[in-house]
PDB file of N, CA and C in Angstrom:
ATOM      1  N   MET A   1     -19.359  21.439 -66.793  1.00  0.00           N
ATOM      2  CA  MET A   1     -19.828  20.923 -65.002  1.00  0.00           C
ATOM      3  C   MET A   1     -19.529  21.997 -63.664  1.00  0.00           C
ATOM      4  N   VAL A   2     -20.454  20.956 -63.245  1.00  0.00           N
ATOM      5  CA  VAL A   2     -20.901  21.895 -61.690  1.00  0.00           C
ATOM      6  C   VAL A   2     -20.845  21.034 -60.584  1.00  0.00           C
ATOM      7  N   LYS A   3     -19.460  20.813 -59.763  1.00  0.00           N
ATOM      8  CA  LYS A   3     -19.427  19.478 -58.742  1.00  0.00           C
ATOM      9  C   LYS A   3     -19.396  20.240 -57.271  1.00  0.00           C
ATOM     10  N   LYS A   4     -20.508  20.142 -56.473  1.00  0.00           N
ATOM     11  CA  LYS A   4     -20.277  20.177 -55.290  1.00  0.00           C
ATOM     12  C   LYS A   4     -20.400  19.275 -54.234  1.00  0.00           C
ATOM     13  N   ASP A   5     -19.582  19.365 -52.870  1.00  0.00           N
ATOM     14  CA  ASP A   5     -20.382  18.749 -52.471  1.00  0.00           C
ATOM     15  C   ASP A   5     -20.779  19.278 -50.775  1.00  0.00           C
ATOM     16  N   PHE A   6     -21.928  18.298 -50.216  1.00  0.00           N
ATOM     17  CA  PHE A   6     -22.782  18.680 -49.209  1.00  0.00           C
ATOM     18  C   PHE A   6     -23.086  17.954 -47.680  1.00  0.00           C
ATOM     19  N   VAL A   7     -22.908  18.368 -47.235  1.00  0.00           N
ATOM     20  CA  VAL A   7     -23.155  17.686 -45.319  1.00  0.00           C
ATOM     21  C   VAL A   7     -24.278  17.348 -45.275  1.00  0.00           C
ATOM     22  N   LEU A   8     -25.028  16.159 -44.987  1.00  0.00           N
ATOM     23  CA  LEU A   8     -26.374  15.800 -44.972  1.00  0.00           C
ATOM     24  C   LEU A   8     -26.475  16.197 -43.396  1.00  0.00           C
ATOM     25  N   GLU A   9     -26.954  17.601 -42.856  1.00  0.00           N
ATOM     26  CA  GLU A   9     -27.542  17.717 -42.281  1.00  0.00           C
ATOM     27  C   GLU A   9     -28.904  17.052 -40.944  1.00  0.00           C
ATOM     28  N   ALA A  10     -29.660  16.596 -41.950  1.00  0.00           N
ATOM     29  CA  ALA A  10     -30.846  16.666 -41.055  1.00  0.00           C
ATOM     30  C   ALA A  10     -31.428  14.519 -40.776  1.00  0.00           C
ATOM     31  N   GLU A  11     -31.756  15.420 -39.464  1.00  0.00           N
ATOM     32  CA  GLU A  11     -31.719  14.217 -38.028  1.00  0.00           C
ATOM     33  C   GLU A  11     -31.934  12.817 -38.780  1.00  0.00           C
ATOM     34  N   GLU A  12     -33.159  12.690 -39.823  1.00  0.00           N
ATOM     35  CA  GLU A  12     -33.708  11.676 -40.597  1.00  0.00           C
ATOM     36  C   GLU A  12     -32.836  10.312 -41.886  1.00  0.00           C
ATOM     37  N   GLY A  13     -31.611  12.072 -41.979  1.00  0.00           N
ATOM     38  CA  GLY A  13     -30.870  11.551 -43.407  1.00  0.00           C
ATOM     39  C   GLY A  13     -31.818  11.661 -44.740  1.00  0.00           C
ATOM     40  N   LEU A  14     -31.711  11.515 -45.964  1.00  0.00           N
ATOM     41  CA  LEU A  14     -32.547  11.576 -46.972  1.00  0.00           C
ATOM     42  C   LEU A  14     -33.144  10.680 -47.256  1.00  0.00           C
ATOM     43  N   HIS A  15     -34.595  11.177 -46.742  1.00  0.00           N
ATOM     44  CA  HIS A  15     -35.522   9.557 -46.086  1.00  0.00           C
ATOM     45  C   HIS A  15     -36.805  10.535 -47.085  1.00  0.00           C
ATOM     46  N   ALA A  16     -37.965  10.133 -47.265  1.00  0.00           N
ATOM     47  CA  ALA A  16     -38.704  10.061 -48.303  1.00  0.00           C
ATOM     48  C   ALA A  16     -39.256  11.816 -48.059  1.00  0.00           C
ATOM     49  N   ARG A  17     -39.430  12.567 -47.195  1.00  0.00           N
ATOM     50  CA  ARG A  17     -39.636  14.086 -47.807  1.00  0.00           C
ATOM     51  C   ARG A  17     -38.350  14.521 -48.258  1.00  0.00           C
ATOM     52  N   PRO A  18     -37.041  14.660 -47.767  1.00  0.00           N
ATOM     53  CA  PRO A  18     -36.084  15.661 -48.120  1.00  0.00           C
ATOM     54  C   PRO A  18     -36.162  15.019 -49.970  1.00  0.00           C
ATOM     55  N   ALA A  19     -35.916  13.517 -49.942  1.00  0.00           N
ATOM     56  CA  ALA A  19     -35.977  12.915 -50.945  1.00  0.00           C
ATOM     57  C   ALA A  19     -36.497  13.507 -52.257  1.00  0.00           C
ATOM     58  N   SER A  20     -37.877  13.671 -52.040  1.00  0.00           N
ATOM     59  CA  SER A  20     -39.116  14.235 -52.646  1.00  0.00           C
ATOM     60  C   SER A  20     -38.885  15.509 -53.474  1.00  0.00           C
ATOM     61  N   MET A  21     -38.542  16.416 -52.061  1.00  0.00           N
ATOM     62  CA  MET A  21     -37.893  17.730 -52.315  1.00  0.00           C
ATOM     63  C   MET A  21     -36.654  17.782 -53.509  1.00  0.00           C
ATOM     64  N   LEU A  22     -36.138  16.968 -52.695  1.00  0.00           N
ATOM     65  CA  LEU A  22     -35.018  17.362 -53.544  1.00  0.00           C
ATOM     66  C   LEU A  22     -35.000  16.549 -55.076  1.00  0.00           C
ATOM     67  N   ALA A  23     -35.995  15.711 -55.826  1.00  0.00           N
ATOM     68  CA  ALA A  23     -36.400  14.898 -57.327  1.00  0.00           C
ATOM     69  C   ALA A  23     -37.272  16.748 -58.006  1.00  0.00           C
ATOM     70  N   LYS A  24     -37.916  16.822 -57.270  1.00  0.00           N
ATOM     71  CA  LYS A  24     -38.915  18.205 -57.408  1.00  0.00           C
ATOM     72  C   LYS A  24     -37.911  19.078 -57.822  1.00  0.00           C
ATOM     73  N   VAL A  25     -37.039  19.532 -57.172  1.00  0.00           N
ATOM     74  CA  VAL A  25     -36.384  20.606 -57.710  1.00  0.00           C
ATOM     75  C   VAL A  25     -35.452  20.269 -59.053  1.00  0.00           C
ATOM     76  N   ALA A  26     -35.096  19.571 -58.567  1.00  0.00           N
ATOM     77  CA  ALA A  26     -34.023  18.098 -60.057  1.00  0.00           C
ATOM     78  C   ALA A  26     -34.604  18.003 -61.090  1.00  0.00           C
ATOM     79  N   MET A  27     -35.705  18.025 -61.258  1.00  0.00           N
ATOM     80  CA  MET A  27     -36.285  17.798 -62.669  1.00  0.00           C
ATOM     81  C   MET A  27     -37.128  19.228 -63.200  1.00  0.00           C
ATOM     82  N   LYS A  28     -36.642  19.967 -62.731  1.00  0.00           N
ATOM     83  CA  LYS A  28     -37.127  21.518 -63.668  1.00  0.00           C
ATOM     84  C   LYS A  28     -36.401  21.664 -64.272  1.00  0.00           C
ATOM     85  N   PHE A  29     -34.627  20.668 -64.132  1.00  0.00           N
ATOM     86  CA  PHE A  29     -34.078  21.447 -65.046  1.00  0.00           C
ATOM     87  C   PHE A  29     -33.236  20.296 -66.195  1.00  0.00           C
ATOM     88  N   THR A  30     -32.957  20.804 -67.152  1.00  0.00           N
ATOM     89  CA  THR A  30     -32.882  19.878 -68.390  1.00  0.00           C
ATOM     90  C   THR A  30     -31.417  19.234 -68.583  1.00  0.00           C
ATOM     91  N   CYS A  31     -30.607  19.720 -67.458  1.00  0.00           N
ATOM     92  CA  CYS A  31     -28.762  19.498 -67.394  1.00  0.00           C
ATOM     93  C   CYS A  31     -29.642  18.012 -66.301  1.00  0.00           C
ATOM     94  N   ASP A  32     -27.918  16.812 -67.022  1.00  0.00           N
ATOM     95  CA  ASP A  32     -28.004  16.067 -66.587  1.00  0.00           C
ATOM     96  C   ASP A  32     -27.326  15.980 -64.845  1.00  0.00           C
ATOM     97  N   ILE A  33     -27.743  15.446 -63.827  1.00  0.00           N
ATOM     98  CA  ILE A  33     -27.264  15.821 -62.827  1.00  0.00           C
ATOM     99  C   ILE A  33     -27.306  13.901 -61.960  1.00  0.00           C
ATOM    100  N   LYS A  34     -25.910  13.846 -61.381  1.00  0.00           N
ATOM    101  CA  LYS A  34     -25.552  13.006 -60.723  1.00  0.00           C
ATOM    102  C   LYS A  34     -25.097  12.687 -59.330  1.00  0.00           C
ATOM    103  N   LEU A  35     -25.705  12.169 -58.772  1.00  0.00           N
ATOM    104  CA  LEU A  35     -25.298  11.958 -57.016  1.00  0.00           C
ATOM    105  C   LEU A  35     -24.710  11.050 -56.744  1.00  0.00           C
ATOM    106  N   MET A  36     -22.719  11.061 -55.725  1.00  0.00           N
ATOM    107  CA  MET A  36     -22.479   9.914 -55.629  1.00  0.00           C
ATOM    108  C   MET A  36     -22.613  10.230 -53.916  1.00  0.00           C
ATOM    109  N   LYS A  37     -22.629   9.183 -53.261  1.00  0.00           N
ATOM    110  CA  LYS A  37     -22.437   8.981 -52.094  1.00  0.00           C
ATOM    111  C   LYS A  37     -21.043   9.262 -51.471  1.00  0.00           C
ATOM    112  N   SER A  38     -20.326   9.464 -50.221  1.00  0.00           N
ATOM    113  CA  SER A  38     -19.376  10.205 -49.887  1.00  0.00           C
ATOM    114  C   SER A  38     -18.167   9.855 -50.839  1.00  0.00           C
ATOM    115  N   GLY A  39     -18.815  10.834 -51.725  1.00  0.00           N
ATOM    116  CA  GLY A  39     -17.887  10.677 -52.942  1.00  0.00           C
ATOM    117  C   GLY A  39     -17.432   9.390 -54.331  1.00  0.00           C
ATOM    118  N   LYS A  40     -17.854   8.856 -53.640  1.00  0.00           N
ATOM    119  CA  LYS A  40     -18.044   7.322 -54.277  1.00  0.00           C
ATOM    120  C   LYS A  40     -18.767   7.169 -55.917  1.00  0.00           C
ATOM    121  N   ALA A  41     -17.702   7.144 -57.083  1.00  0.00           N
ATOM    122  CA  ALA A  41     -17.976   6.903 -58.310  1.00  0.00           C
ATOM    123  C   ALA A  41     -18.453   5.257 -58.999  1.00  0.00           C
ATOM    124  N   ASP A  42     -18.167   5.169 -57.496  1.00  0.00           N
ATOM    125  CA  ASP A  42     -18.575   3.655 -58.079  1.00  0.00           C
ATOM    126  C   ASP A  42     -19.834   3.409 -58.227  1.00  0.00           C
ATOM    127  N   LYS A  43     -20.549   3.827 -57.610  1.00  0.00           N
ATOM    128  CA  LYS A  43     -22.290   3.717 -57.337  1.00  0.00           C
ATOM    129  C   LYS A  43     -22.755   5.663 -57.581  1.00  0.00           C
ATOM    130  N   VAL A  44     -23.172   5.591 -58.785  1.00  0.00           N
ATOM    131  CA  VAL A  44     -23.689   6.721 -58.878  1.00  0.00           C
ATOM    132  C   VAL A  44     -25.944   6.931 -58.531  1.00  0.00           C
ATOM    133  N   PHE A  45     -26.532   7.742 -58.457  1.00  0.00           N
ATOM    134  CA  PHE A  45     -27.946   7.805 -57.923  1.00  0.00           C
ATOM    135  C   PHE A  45     -28.539   9.333 -59.048  1.00  0.00           C
ATOM    136  N   GLN A  46     -29.936   8.927 -59.321  1.00  0.00           N
ATOM    137  CA  GLN A  46     -30.536   9.624 -60.272  1.00  0.00           C
ATOM    138  C   GLN A  46     -31.406  10.549 -59.392  1.00  0.00           C
ATOM    139  N   PRO A  47     -30.865  12.087 -59.177  1.00  0.00           N
ATOM    140  CA  PRO A  47     -31.768  13.269 -58.316  1.00  0.00           C
ATOM    141  C   PRO A  47     -33.437  13.420 -59.058  1.00  0.00           C
ATOM    142  N   LYS A  48     -33.333  12.871 -59.897  1.00  0.00           N
ATOM    143  CA  LYS A  48     -34.580  13.257 -60.900  1.00  0.00           C
ATOM    144  C   LYS A  48     -35.394  12.050 -60.545  1.00  0.00           C
ATOM    145  N   SER A  49     -34.910  11.130 -59.927  1.00  0.00           N
ATOM    146  CA  SER A  49     -35.538  10.208 -59.794  1.00  0.00           C
ATOM    147  C   SER A  49     -35.779   9.773 -58.151  1.00  0.00           C
ATOM    148  N   ILE A  50     -37.084  10.019 -57.642  1.00  0.00           N
ATOM    149  CA  ILE A  50     -37.948   9.673 -56.202  1.00  0.00           C
ATOM    150  C   ILE A  50     -37.297   8.081 -55.842  1.00  0.00           C
ATOM    151  N   LEU A  51     -36.988   7.707 -56.404  1.00  0.00           N
ATOM    152  CA  LEU A  51     -36.626   5.935 -56.123  1.00  0.00           C
ATOM    153  C   LEU A  51     -34.763   5.632 -55.903  1.00  0.00           C
ATOM    154  N   SER A  52     -34.227   6.496 -57.339  1.00  0.00           N
ATOM    155  CA  SER A  52     -33.220   6.232 -56.954  1.00  0.00           C
ATOM    156  C   SER A  52     -32.825   7.128 -55.931  1.00  0.00           C
ATOM    157  N   LEU A  53     -32.927   7.914 -55.637  1.00  0.00           N
ATOM    158  CA  LEU A  53     -32.767   8.623 -53.773  1.00  0.00           C
ATOM    159  C   LEU A  53     -33.038   8.244 -52.690  1.00  0.00           C
ATOM    160  N   MET A  54     -34.055   6.846 -52.952  1.00  0.00           N
ATOM    161  CA  MET A  54     -34.539   6.409 -51.818  1.00  0.00           C
ATOM    162  C   MET A  54     -33.541   5.593 -51.255  1.00  0.00           C
ATOM    163  N   SER A  55     -32.528   4.901 -52.627  1.00  0.00           N
ATOM    164  CA  SER A  55     -31.817   4.303 -52.528  1.00  0.00           C
ATOM    165  C   SER A  55     -30.626   4.098 -51.860  1.00  0.00           C
ATOM    166  N   VAL A  56     -30.201   5.460 -52.030  1.00  0.00           N
ATOM    167  CA  VAL A  56     -29.079   6.338 -51.452  1.00  0.00           C
ATOM    168  C   VAL A  56     -28.376   6.325 -50.021  1.00  0.00           C
ATOM    169  N   GLY A  57     -29.433   5.529 -49.102  1.00  0.00           N
ATOM    170  CA  GLY A  57     -29.500   5.686 -48.015  1.00  0.00           C
ATOM    171  C   GLY A  57     -28.653   6.374 -47.028  1.00  0.00           C
ATOM    172  N   ALA A  58     -28.810   7.800 -47.238  1.00  0.00           N
ATOM    173  CA  ALA A  58     -28.240   8.409 -46.727  1.00  0.00           C
ATOM    174  C   ALA A  58     -28.438   8.643 -45.231  1.00  0.00           C
ATOM    175  N   ALA A  59     -27.407   9.057 -44.631  1.00  0.00           N
ATOM    176  CA  ALA A  59     -27.974   9.318 -43.112  1.00  0.00           C
ATOM    177  C   ALA A  59     -27.398  10.658 -42.234  1.00  0.00           C
ATOM    178  N   LYS A  60     -27.810  11.358 -41.461  1.00  0.00           N
ATOM    179  CA  LYS A  60     -27.307  12.640 -40.830  1.00  0.00           C
ATOM    180  C   LYS A  60     -25.994  12.406 -40.756  1.00  0.00           C
ATOM    181  N   GLY A  61     -24.791  13.680 -41.082  1.00  0.00           N
ATOM    182  CA  GLY A  61     -22.877  13.545 -41.100  1.00  0.00           C
ATOM    183  C   GLY A  61     -22.946  13.095 -42.976  1.00  0.00           C
ATOM    184  N   GLU A  62     -22.995  12.411 -43.612  1.00  0.00           N
ATOM    185  CA  GLU A  62     -22.575  12.320 -44.679  1.00  0.00           C
ATOM    186  C   GLU A  62     -22.684  12.863 -45.688  1.00  0.00           C
ATOM    187  N   ARG A  63     -21.329  12.755 -46.412  1.00  0.00           N
ATOM    188  CA  ARG A  63     -20.812  13.429 -47.864  1.00  0.00           C
ATOM    189  C   ARG A  63     -22.072  13.483 -48.891  1.00  0.00           C
ATOM    190  N   LEU A  64     -22.852  14.194 -49.876  1.00  0.00           N
ATOM    191  CA  LEU A  64     -23.304  14.161 -51.248  1.00  0.00           C
ATOM    192  C   LEU A  64     -22.725  14.441 -51.353  1.00  0.00           C
ATOM    193  N   THR A  65     -22.011  14.297 -53.097  1.00  0.00           N
ATOM    194  CA  THR A  65     -21.624  14.689 -54.163  1.00  0.00           C
ATOM    195  C   THR A  65     -22.378  15.128 -54.995  1.00  0.00           C
ATOM    196  N   PHE A  66     -22.607  16.011 -56.085  1.00  0.00           N
ATOM    197  CA  PHE A  66     -23.716  16.493 -56.891  1.00  0.00           C
ATOM    198  C   PHE A  66     -23.090  16.846 -57.643  1.00  0.00           C
ATOM    199  N   VAL A  67     -22.654  16.386 -59.492  1.00  0.00           N
ATOM    200  CA  VAL A  67     -22.688  16.613 -60.350  1.00  0.00           C
ATOM    201  C   VAL A  67     -23.060  17.206 -61.289  1.00  0.00           C
ATOM    202  N   ALA A  68     -23.604  18.556 -62.158  1.00  0.00           N
ATOM    203  CA  ALA A  68     -24.317  18.970 -62.893  1.00  0.00           C
ATOM    204  C   ALA A  68     -23.677  19.035 -64.190  1.00  0.00           C
ATOM    205  N   GLU A  69     -24.572  18.763 -65.438  1.00  0.00           N
ATOM    206  CA  GLU A  69     -23.373  19.321 -66.493  1.00  0.00           C
ATOM    207  C   GLU A  69     -24.731  19.033 -67.546  1.00  0.00           C
ATOM    208  N   GLY A  70     -25.093  20.583 -68.261  1.00  0.00           N
ATOM    209  CA  GLY A  70     -25.791  20.920 -69.321  1.00  0.00           C
ATOM    210  C   GLY A  70     -26.168  22.349 -69.016  1.00  0.00           C
ATOM    211  N   ASP A  71     -26.514  22.916 -70.335  1.00  0.00           N
ATOM    212  CA  ASP A  71     -27.302  24.379 -70.320  1.00  0.00           C
ATOM    213  C   ASP A  71     -27.666  25.202 -68.999  1.00  0.00           C
ATOM    214  N   ASP A  72     -28.026  24.633 -68.327  1.00  0.00           N
ATOM    215  CA  ASP A  72     -28.718  24.946 -66.651  1.00  0.00           C
ATOM    216  C   ASP A  72     -28.043  24.184 -65.833  1.00  0.00           C
ATOM    217  N   GLU A  73     -26.814  24.189 -65.878  1.00  0.00           N
ATOM    218  CA  GLU A  73     -26.009  23.536 -64.770  1.00  0.00           C
ATOM    219  C   GLU A  73     -25.760  23.799 -63.819  1.00  0.00           C
ATOM    220  N   VAL A  74     -26.035  25.566 -63.925  1.00  0.00           N
ATOM    221  CA  VAL A  74     -24.921  26.467 -62.550  1.00  0.00           C
ATOM    222  C   VAL A  74     -26.644  26.676 -61.717  1.00  0.00           C
ATOM    223  N   GLN A  75     -27.828  26.551 -62.426  1.00  0.00           N
ATOM    224  CA  GLN A  75     -28.644  27.249 -62.084  1.00  0.00           C
ATOM    225  C   GLN A  75     -29.135  26.439 -61.378  1.00  0.00           C
ATOM    226  N   ALA A  76     -29.030  24.653 -61.382  1.00  0.00           N
ATOM    227  CA  ALA A  76     -29.885  23.668 -61.064  1.00  0.00           C
ATOM    228  C   ALA A  76     -28.531  23.294 -59.719  1.00  0.00           C
ATOM    229  N   MET A  77     -27.331  23.533 -59.473  1.00  0.00           N
ATOM    230  CA  MET A  77     -26.534  23.747 -58.627  1.00  0.00           C
ATOM    231  C   MET A  77     -26.567  24.419 -57.374  1.00  0.00           C
ATOM    232  N   GLU A  78     -27.213  25.649 -58.146  1.00  0.00           N
ATOM    233  CA  GLU A  78     -27.908  26.606 -57.334  1.00  0.00           C
ATOM    234  C   GLU A  78     -29.043  26.514 -55.815  1.00  0.00           C
ATOM    235  N   SER A  79     -30.686  25.533 -56.814  1.00  0.00           N
ATOM    236  CA  SER A  79     -31.346  25.368 -56.344  1.00  0.00           C
ATOM    237  C   SER A  79     -30.883  24.060 -55.364  1.00  0.00           C
ATOM    238  N   ILE A  80     -30.301  23.186 -55.854  1.00  0.00           N
ATOM    239  CA  ILE A  80     -30.043  22.137 -54.781  1.00  0.00           C
ATOM    240  C   ILE A  80     -28.962  23.031 -53.615  1.00  0.00           C
ATOM    241  N   SER A  81     -27.878  23.717 -53.743  1.00  0.00           N
ATOM    242  CA  SER A  81     -27.647  24.204 -52.670  1.00  0.00           C
ATOM    243  C   SER A  81     -28.758  25.067 -51.860  1.00  0.00           C
ATOM    244  N   GLN A  82     -29.312  25.775 -52.234  1.00  0.00           N
ATOM    245  CA  GLN A  82     -30.289  26.364 -51.110  1.00  0.00           C
ATOM    246  C   GLN A  82     -31.445  25.095 -50.702  1.00  0.00           C
ATOM    247  N   LEU A  83     -31.793  24.431 -51.081  1.00  0.00           N
ATOM    248  CA  LEU A  83     -31.962  22.991 -50.162  1.00  0.00           C
ATOM    249  C   LEU A  83     -31.336  22.694 -49.221  1.00  0.00           C
ATOM    250  N   PHE A  84     -30.389  22.653 -49.278  1.00  0.00           N
ATOM    251  CA  PHE A  84     -29.163  21.389 -48.722  1.00  0.00           C
ATOM    252  C   PHE A  84     -28.756  22.579 -47.415  1.00  0.00           C
ATOM    253  N   THR A  85     -29.183  24.333 -47.546  1.00  0.00           N
ATOM    254  CA  THR A  85     -28.270  25.629 -46.703  1.00  0.00           C
ATOM    255  C   THR A  85     -29.578  25.269 -45.647  1.00  0.00           C
ATOM    256  N   SER A  86     -30.712  25.031 -46.284  1.00  0.00           N
ATOM    257  CA  SER A  86     -32.441  25.082 -46.093  1.00  0.00           C
ATOM    258  C   SER A  86     -32.664  24.356 -44.886  1.00  0.00           C
ATOM    259  N   ASN A  87     -32.177  23.244 -44.906  1.00  0.00           N
ATOM    260  CA  ASN A  87     -31.938  21.690 -44.568  1.00  0.00           C
ATOM    261  C   ASN A  87     -33.260  21.069 -44.966  1.00  0.00           C
ATOM    262  N   PHE A  88     -33.612  21.353 -45.918  1.00  0.00           N
ATOM    263  CA  PHE A  88     -34.860  21.038 -46.688  1.00  0.00           C
ATOM    264  C   PHE A  88     -36.003  21.265 -45.884  1.00  0.00           C
ATOM    265  N   GLN A  89     -35.916  22.520 -45.360  1.00  0.00           N
ATOM    266  CA  GLN A  89     -37.225  23.092 -44.805  1.00  0.00           C
ATOM    267  C   GLN A  89     -38.210  24.233 -45.368  1.00  0.00           C
ATOM    268  N   GLY A  90     -37.412  23.725 -46.785  1.00  0.00           N
ATOM    269  CA  GLY A  90     -38.184  24.974 -47.931  1.00  0.00           C
ATOM    270  C   GLY A  90     -39.303  25.039 -48.243  1.00  0.00           C
TER     271      GLY A  90
END
């Protein structure tokens, strides 16, 4: 299991474009990936689903926690990290 926190720096938050980019990246991997807003485990979102990502409602400055579990968990987290590092400009 790989777990990592990211702070959302995009001015618009997790709106359609970054959500779409994130879903496309997440779908490339076979591991199970979960997303929690502000580290709250009571509500888990599915990064492989654009609809689930759009329902997160994350604004700039919010902390998002990702957990990946499975064969390609490290590669998945590296790809997600690249999206946040590039501020979804890639």
